[in-house]
Amino acid sequence: MKKTLFYMLLLVLFILTQSCEKVIDIQVNDEIGKLVIEGSINNTNPQQEIKLSRNVSFSAGNDYPSVTGARVIVYDNEEKEYVFQETIPGTYVAKDFTGQPGRSYSMDIQVDESKFTAKSKMPQVVLLDSIIAEKPKLGDKDTRNIKVFYRDPKDDANQYRFILFVNDKQIKDIYAVNDDFNNGNQVSITLRPNDDEEIYPGDQIRVEMLCIDKSIYNYWYSLMQQSSGGGITPSNPPTNISPNVFGYFSAHTISSKSIVVN
């Protein structure tokens, strides 16, 4: 009887272990010098920005060599063309260009003899209702977590990314969620920073809620699974850029709130 119970427990542990596997498998990519594209189109800024660089080895830190002299153009679904100019090495900017919710945008980049393309549709705006700071239930430190509140629209499948700023510094942690289990509901989500970037009374907090399309959600959700560090190398999350490179091209809306922690 004891022997039978022992094998039954082993079977249960095996099943639990298998059920905890990650939804999206991340493969480590050791390629060095591969193009990295970080492209964003949003609905709040009067100019948009796309950054080009090369990936480096993991031990080299965050010093990515800039890619200069590229041709960068974005088109919307009404065939309007936006030419991006290089303002500083590796940073390309289009002025007098604010994204419009509901429109699709196509990116066209030429680097030397290679061409890279991507598409992203900007979702409709979902407003961030409010944010609060709350003390964790566990632990002795006088730290805070940030809780966000918003109403998810019931008529659409929605995906979100939250960006947390503490005293105007962006926290590296990645927060990506969808509405698979709360479609059409009032939603509250707790953003817990890692131990290296704690929040204390007196800190100034800003949260940006980005409404993102499905392909961009897959990108950020993959990175959130593999690491809380926020870097886009050396792994290869599922990009929406073709042919395959590191990075993303995201057309998204932004809603933000700010508080001072009590």
Protein backbone atom coordinates (compact mmCIF):
# COMPACT_ATOMS: atom_id res chain seq x y z
CA MET A 1 0.00 0.00 0.00
CA LYS A 2 2.76 2.45 0.94
CA LYS A 3 4.64 1.58 -2.26
CA THR A 4 1.51 2.22 -4.36
CA LEU A 5 0.93 5.57 -2.64
CA PHE A 6 4.55 6.55 -3.29
CA TYR A 7 4.22 5.93 -7.04
CA MET A 8 0.91 7.81 -7.12
CA LEU A 9 2.59 10.83 -5.54
CA LEU A 10 5.40 10.66 -8.11
CA LEU A 11 2.80 10.63 -10.90
CA VAL A 12 1.03 13.70 -9.47
CA LEU A 13 4.32 15.59 -9.16
CA PHE A 14 5.19 14.74 -12.78
CA ILE A 15 1.82 16.02 -14.02
CA LEU A 16 2.15 19.26 -12.04
CA THR A 17 5.64 19.81 -13.39
CA GLN A 18 4.49 19.36 -16.97
CA SER A 19 1.53 21.73 -16.50
CA CYS A 20 3.83 24.54 -15.33
CA GLU A 21 5.77 24.77 -18.58
CA LYS A 22 5.86 28.14 -20.28
CA VAL A 23 3.21 28.82 -22.91
CA ILE A 24 5.75 30.28 -25.33
CA ASP A 25 9.12 28.59 -25.62
CA ILE A 26 12.06 31.00 -25.70
CA GLN A 27 15.20 29.85 -27.46
CA VAL A 28 18.55 31.44 -26.67
CA ASN A 29 20.11 32.95 -29.77
CA ASP A 30 23.88 33.39 -29.79
CA GLU A 31 24.08 35.50 -32.96
CA ILE A 32 26.13 38.66 -32.43
CA GLY A 33 25.79 41.76 -34.59
CA LYS A 34 22.20 41.04 -35.61
CA LEU A 35 19.98 44.03 -36.32
CA VAL A 36 17.79 45.27 -33.47
CA ILE A 37 14.71 47.39 -34.36
CA GLU A 38 12.69 49.25 -31.73
CA GLY A 39 9.82 51.00 -33.51
CA SER A 40 6.85 52.74 -31.93
CA ILE A 41 3.89 54.68 -33.29
CA ASN A 42 1.56 56.15 -30.67
CA ASN A 43 -1.48 58.42 -30.41
CA THR A 44 -0.15 61.01 -27.96
CA ASN A 45 3.16 62.37 -29.24
CA PRO A 46 3.57 64.80 -32.20
CA GLN A 47 6.56 62.83 -33.45
CA GLN A 48 7.43 59.15 -33.68
CA GLU A 49 10.74 57.34 -33.21
CA ILE A 50 12.43 54.19 -34.51
CA LYS A 51 15.81 53.04 -33.17
CA LEU A 52 18.27 50.78 -34.98
CA SER A 53 21.22 49.04 -33.37
CA ARG A 54 23.19 45.77 -33.32
CA ASN A 55 22.95 43.14 -30.60
CA VAL A 56 25.98 42.33 -28.49
CA SER A 57 27.00 39.41 -26.31
CA PHE A 58 25.20 39.07 -23.00
CA SER A 59 28.36 39.91 -21.07
CA ALA A 60 28.81 43.20 -22.98
CA GLY A 61 25.97 44.92 -21.11
CA ASN A 62 23.54 47.38 -22.72
CA ASP A 63 25.92 49.24 -25.04
CA TYR A 64 24.36 48.47 -28.44
CA PRO A 65 26.21 49.84 -31.50
CA SER A 66 24.01 52.25 -33.48
CA VAL A 67 23.02 51.54 -37.09
CA THR A 68 23.39 54.70 -39.15
CA GLY A 69 22.53 55.68 -42.70
CA ALA A 70 19.37 53.58 -42.97
CA ARG A 71 16.27 54.46 -44.98
CA VAL A 72 13.21 54.39 -42.68
CA ILE A 73 9.65 54.96 -43.95
CA VAL A 74 6.24 54.24 -42.41
CA TYR A 75 2.98 54.07 -44.39
CA ASP A 76 -0.57 54.10 -43.05
CA ASN A 77 -3.51 52.23 -44.55
CA GLU A 78 -4.57 55.42 -46.34
CA GLU A 79 -1.27 55.33 -48.26
CA LYS A 80 0.20 58.34 -46.49
CA GLU A 81 4.00 58.22 -46.26
CA TYR A 82 6.09 59.30 -43.27
CA VAL A 83 9.85 59.57 -43.84
CA PHE A 84 12.01 59.23 -40.72
CA GLN A 85 15.15 61.33 -40.46
CA GLU A 86 18.22 60.31 -38.44
CA THR A 87 18.55 62.86 -35.63
CA ILE A 88 21.30 61.16 -33.61
CA PRO A 89 23.20 57.99 -34.58
CA GLY A 90 20.73 55.10 -34.76
CA THR A 91 17.64 57.19 -33.88
CA TYR A 92 15.19 58.02 -36.67
CA VAL A 93 12.35 60.51 -36.12
CA ALA A 94 9.24 61.58 -38.05
CA LYS A 95 7.86 64.96 -36.93
CA ASP A 96 4.26 66.17 -37.17
CA PHE A 97 3.10 62.57 -37.05
CA THR A 98 0.59 61.38 -34.45
CA GLY A 99 -0.84 57.88 -34.77
CA GLN A 100 -4.58 57.38 -35.19
CA PRO A 101 -6.44 54.55 -33.37
CA GLY A 102 -7.91 52.03 -35.78
CA ARG A 103 -5.36 52.65 -38.50
CA SER A 104 -2.76 50.12 -39.65
CA TYR A 105 0.87 51.11 -40.12
CA SER A 106 3.57 49.47 -42.22
CA MET A 107 7.29 49.96 -41.58
CA ASP A 108 9.85 49.76 -44.39
CA ILE A 109 13.55 49.85 -43.46
CA GLN A 110 16.54 49.59 -45.79
CA VAL A 111 19.92 48.85 -44.15
CA ASP A 112 22.69 48.52 -46.73
CA GLU A 113 21.35 45.88 -49.15
CA SER A 114 18.83 44.38 -46.71
CA LYS A 115 15.16 45.32 -46.41
CA PHE A 116 12.96 44.79 -43.35
CA THR A 117 9.19 45.21 -43.09
CA ALA A 118 6.52 45.00 -40.38
CA LYS A 119 2.86 45.84 -39.83
CA SER A 120 0.93 46.81 -36.73
CA LYS A 121 -2.64 47.99 -36.21
CA MET A 122 -3.25 50.63 -33.54
CA PRO A 123 -6.10 49.51 -31.22
CA GLN A 124 -8.81 51.82 -29.96
CA VAL A 125 -8.03 53.78 -26.79
CA VAL A 126 -8.71 52.20 -23.40
CA LEU A 127 -8.35 54.68 -20.58
CA LEU A 128 -6.41 54.02 -17.40
CA ASP A 129 -8.93 54.99 -14.70
CA SER A 130 -6.63 55.37 -11.69
CA ILE A 131 -3.54 54.08 -9.89
CA ILE A 132 -2.78 53.67 -6.20
CA ALA A 133 0.22 52.66 -4.08
CA GLU A 134 -0.30 49.88 -1.56
CA LYS A 135 1.97 48.22 0.99
CA PRO A 136 2.66 44.52 0.37
CA LYS A 137 1.02 42.15 2.83
CA LEU A 138 4.30 40.30 3.36
CA GLY A 139 7.68 41.72 4.34
CA ASP A 140 8.99 44.22 6.87
CA LYS A 141 10.18 46.94 4.45
CA ASP A 142 8.19 50.14 4.03
CA THR A 143 7.93 49.57 0.29
CA ARG A 144 4.95 49.85 -2.04
CA ASN A 145 3.43 48.09 -5.03
CA ILE A 146 1.40 49.95 -7.63
CA LYS A 147 -2.15 48.88 -8.48
CA VAL A 148 -3.83 50.01 -11.70
CA PHE A 149 -7.56 50.15 -12.47
CA TYR A 150 -9.32 50.22 -15.84
CA ARG A 151 -12.47 49.01 -17.61
CA ASP A 152 -11.83 46.46 -20.34
CA PRO A 153 -14.13 46.87 -23.38
CA LYS A 154 -16.36 43.84 -23.91
CA ASP A 155 -16.67 44.01 -27.71
CA ASP A 156 -12.99 43.48 -28.57
CA ALA A 157 -10.10 41.23 -27.66
CA ASN A 158 -7.63 43.54 -25.94
CA GLN A 159 -3.97 43.29 -25.00
CA TYR A 160 -2.03 45.66 -22.78
CA ARG A 161 1.48 46.55 -21.74
CA PHE A 162 2.14 48.62 -18.62
CA ILE A 163 5.26 50.76 -18.21
CA LEU A 164 6.15 51.90 -14.70
CA PHE A 165 8.24 55.01 -14.01
CA VAL A 166 9.65 55.83 -10.56
CA ASN A 167 10.98 59.39 -10.19
CA ASP A 168 10.99 59.67 -14.02
CA LYS A 169 13.11 56.52 -14.39
CA GLN A 170 11.57 53.62 -16.29
CA ILE A 171 11.49 50.39 -14.30
CA LYS A 172 12.91 47.49 -16.30
CA ASP A 173 10.21 45.00 -15.31
CA ILE A 174 7.82 43.94 -18.09
CA TYR A 175 4.06 43.83 -17.53
CA ALA A 176 1.93 42.38 -20.35
CA VAL A 177 -1.68 41.16 -19.93
CA ASN A 178 -4.71 40.35 -22.07
CA ASP A 179 -8.45 40.08 -21.41
CA ASP A 180 -8.86 36.32 -21.80
CA PHE A 181 -10.31 36.03 -18.30
CA ASN A 182 -11.72 39.52 -17.67
CA ASN A 183 -13.27 40.63 -20.97
CA GLY A 184 -15.67 43.52 -20.38
CA ASN A 185 -14.90 43.71 -16.65
CA GLN A 186 -13.56 46.32 -14.29
CA VAL A 187 -9.93 45.22 -13.88
CA SER A 188 -7.28 45.82 -11.23
CA ILE A 189 -3.69 44.64 -11.65
CA THR A 190 -0.80 44.94 -9.20
CA LEU A 191 2.58 45.96 -10.63
CA ARG A 192 5.30 44.58 -8.39
CA PRO A 193 8.81 45.94 -9.10
CA ASN A 194 11.79 43.69 -8.50
CA ASP A 195 13.90 43.94 -5.36
CA ASP A 196 16.50 46.13 -7.10
CA GLU A 197 13.97 48.87 -7.88
CA GLU A 198 11.77 49.29 -4.84
CA ILE A 199 9.12 52.01 -4.32
CA TYR A 200 9.00 54.08 -1.12
CA PRO A 201 6.81 56.88 0.29
CA GLY A 202 7.61 60.18 -1.41
CA ASP A 203 8.45 58.59 -4.76
CA GLN A 204 6.80 60.06 -7.85
CA ILE A 205 5.04 57.37 -9.89
CA ARG A 206 3.81 57.39 -13.46
CA VAL A 207 2.15 54.45 -15.20
CA GLU A 208 1.59 54.26 -18.95
CA MET A 209 -1.00 51.77 -20.17
CA LEU A 210 -0.37 50.78 -23.79
CA CYS A 211 -3.11 49.12 -25.84
CA ILE A 212 -1.19 46.82 -28.19
CA ASP A 213 -2.07 44.40 -30.98
CA LYS A 214 -1.77 40.61 -30.62
CA SER A 215 1.65 40.22 -32.24
CA ILE A 216 3.18 42.85 -29.96
CA TYR A 217 1.53 41.25 -26.93
CA ASN A 218 3.19 37.94 -27.87
CA TYR A 219 6.54 39.72 -28.03
CA TRP A 220 6.28 41.38 -24.60
CA TYR A 221 4.61 38.40 -22.96
CA SER A 222 7.49 36.19 -24.12
CA LEU A 223 10.03 38.59 -22.66
CA MET A 224 8.03 38.82 -19.43
CA GLN A 225 8.15 35.03 -19.14
CA GLN A 226 11.87 34.68 -19.70
CA SER A 227 13.13 37.62 -17.67
CA SER A 228 12.12 40.59 -15.57
CA GLY A 229 15.16 42.50 -16.82
CA GLY A 230 13.51 44.00 -19.90
CA GLY A 231 16.43 43.64 -22.36
CA ILE A 232 15.69 42.45 -25.89
CA THR A 233 18.93 40.49 -26.35
CA PRO A 234 20.23 37.79 -26.34
CA SER A 235 16.89 35.91 -26.68
CA ASN A 236 14.63 35.72 -29.68
CA PRO A 237 10.99 36.46 -28.77
CA PRO A 238 8.45 36.24 -31.62
CA THR A 239 8.92 39.43 -33.61
CA ASN A 240 6.49 40.91 -36.16
CA ILE A 241 9.41 42.05 -38.35
CA SER A 242 10.32 40.21 -41.54
CA PRO A 243 12.88 38.81 -42.16
CA ASN A 244 13.41 37.82 -38.56
CA VAL A 245 15.46 40.23 -36.42
CA PHE A 246 15.44 41.23 -32.77
CA GLY A 247 12.87 43.82 -31.75
CA TYR A 248 9.40 44.95 -32.72
CA PHE A 249 7.28 47.51 -34.57
CA SER A 250 4.34 48.60 -32.41
CA ALA A 251 1.43 50.91 -33.18
CA HIS A 252 -0.26 51.49 -29.82
CA THR A 253 -2.30 53.94 -27.79
CA ILE A 254 -1.16 55.39 -24.48
CA SER A 255 -3.13 56.39 -21.39
CA SER A 256 -1.19 57.48 -18.29
CA LYS A 257 -1.68 58.42 -14.62
CA SER A 258 0.70 59.86 -12.01
CA ILE A 259 0.73 59.92 -8.21
CA VAL A 260 3.08 60.68 -5.30
CA VAL A 261 3.37 57.70 -2.95
CA ASN A 262 2.06 58.32 0.59
